[in-house]
């Protein structure tokens, strides 16, 4: 199993509009925390996230969260 790259050891906090987003799981995207297709040729694929309403989100940027796409503080132990 491949290990994701760690783009940063802090969450990316964003105001999100309702809609569908694709979270980068490989850590290689230049558009963190979102997928830009750099996972192609690897075992990674983006994770689909749907928001029914606008909300503030702390996206995981270390790619090691036990809470999937959202930060759980795992970056503090990396």
Protein backbone atom coordinates (compact mmCIF):
# COMPACT_ATOMS: atom_id res chain seq x y z
CA UNK A 1 0.00 0.00 0.00
CA UNK A 2 1.30 3.42 -0.95
CA UNK A 3 1.70 6.16 1.64
CA UNK A 4 0.27 9.61 0.87
CA UNK A 5 2.50 12.66 0.76
CA UNK A 6 2.03 15.23 3.54
CA UNK A 7 1.38 18.64 1.95
CA UNK A 8 1.20 20.36 5.35
CA UNK A 9 0.88 19.51 9.04
CA UNK A 10 -2.10 21.72 9.77
CA UNK A 11 -5.72 21.66 8.57
CA UNK A 12 -6.96 23.81 5.71
CA UNK A 13 -9.95 25.74 7.06
CA UNK A 14 -12.34 26.95 4.36
CA UNK A 15 -15.83 28.36 4.01
CA UNK A 16 -17.54 25.88 1.69
CA UNK A 17 -20.64 26.44 -0.39
CA UNK A 18 -23.21 23.66 -0.84
CA UNK A 19 -22.01 21.32 -3.55
CA UNK A 20 -19.82 18.37 -4.46
CA UNK A 21 -16.06 18.37 -3.89
CA UNK A 22 -13.28 15.83 -4.41
CA UNK A 23 -10.72 15.69 -1.60
CA UNK A 24 -7.14 14.76 -2.55
CA UNK A 25 -6.06 11.51 -0.87
CA UNK A 26 -2.54 11.23 -2.36
CA UNK A 27 -1.18 14.56 -1.14
CA UNK A 28 0.30 15.47 -4.54
CA UNK A 29 -2.36 17.93 -5.73
CA UNK A 30 -1.27 21.53 -6.33
CA UNK A 31 -4.84 22.53 -5.42
CA UNK A 32 -4.96 21.26 -1.80
CA UNK A 33 -7.16 20.06 -0.27
CA UNK A 34 -8.84 19.22 -3.57
CA UNK A 35 -7.90 16.71 -6.25
CA UNK A 36 -6.23 17.90 -9.46
CA UNK A 37 -5.61 14.45 -10.95
CA UNK A 38 -1.99 13.95 -9.86
CA UNK A 39 -2.96 10.60 -8.30
CA UNK A 40 -3.23 9.02 -11.77
CA UNK A 41 -1.06 5.92 -12.04
CA UNK A 42 -1.15 5.35 -8.27
CA UNK A 43 -3.42 3.38 -5.95
CA UNK A 44 -5.07 6.61 -4.76
CA UNK A 45 -8.38 8.08 -5.86
CA UNK A 46 -10.14 11.22 -4.65
CA UNK A 47 -12.83 11.07 -2.00
CA UNK A 48 -16.17 12.60 -2.90
CA UNK A 49 -17.65 14.99 -0.32
CA UNK A 50 -21.13 16.51 -0.64
CA UNK A 51 -22.37 19.45 1.41
CA UNK A 52 -26.11 20.10 1.44
CA UNK A 53 -25.57 23.58 2.86
CA UNK A 54 -22.74 26.09 3.29
CA UNK A 55 -20.42 25.41 6.23
CA UNK A 56 -16.93 26.02 7.58
CA UNK A 57 -14.71 22.96 7.21
CA UNK A 58 -11.28 22.00 8.54
CA UNK A 59 -9.98 19.78 5.75
CA UNK A 60 -7.24 17.29 6.59
CA UNK A 61 -4.00 18.35 4.85
CA UNK A 62 -1.68 15.72 6.37
CA UNK A 63 -3.68 12.88 4.75
CA UNK A 64 -3.46 10.79 7.95
CA UNK A 65 -6.70 11.78 9.73
CA UNK A 66 -8.73 9.00 11.28
CA UNK A 67 -11.70 11.19 10.39
CA UNK A 68 -11.18 10.87 6.62
CA UNK A 69 -11.42 14.17 4.80
CA UNK A 70 -11.70 16.22 7.97
CA UNK A 71 -8.94 17.05 10.46
CA UNK A 72 -8.85 15.11 13.72
CA UNK A 73 -5.49 16.43 14.96
CA UNK A 74 -3.44 13.47 13.66
CA UNK A 75 -0.96 15.92 12.13
CA UNK A 76 0.32 16.69 15.65
CA UNK A 77 1.89 13.22 15.89
CA UNK A 78 3.59 13.18 12.48
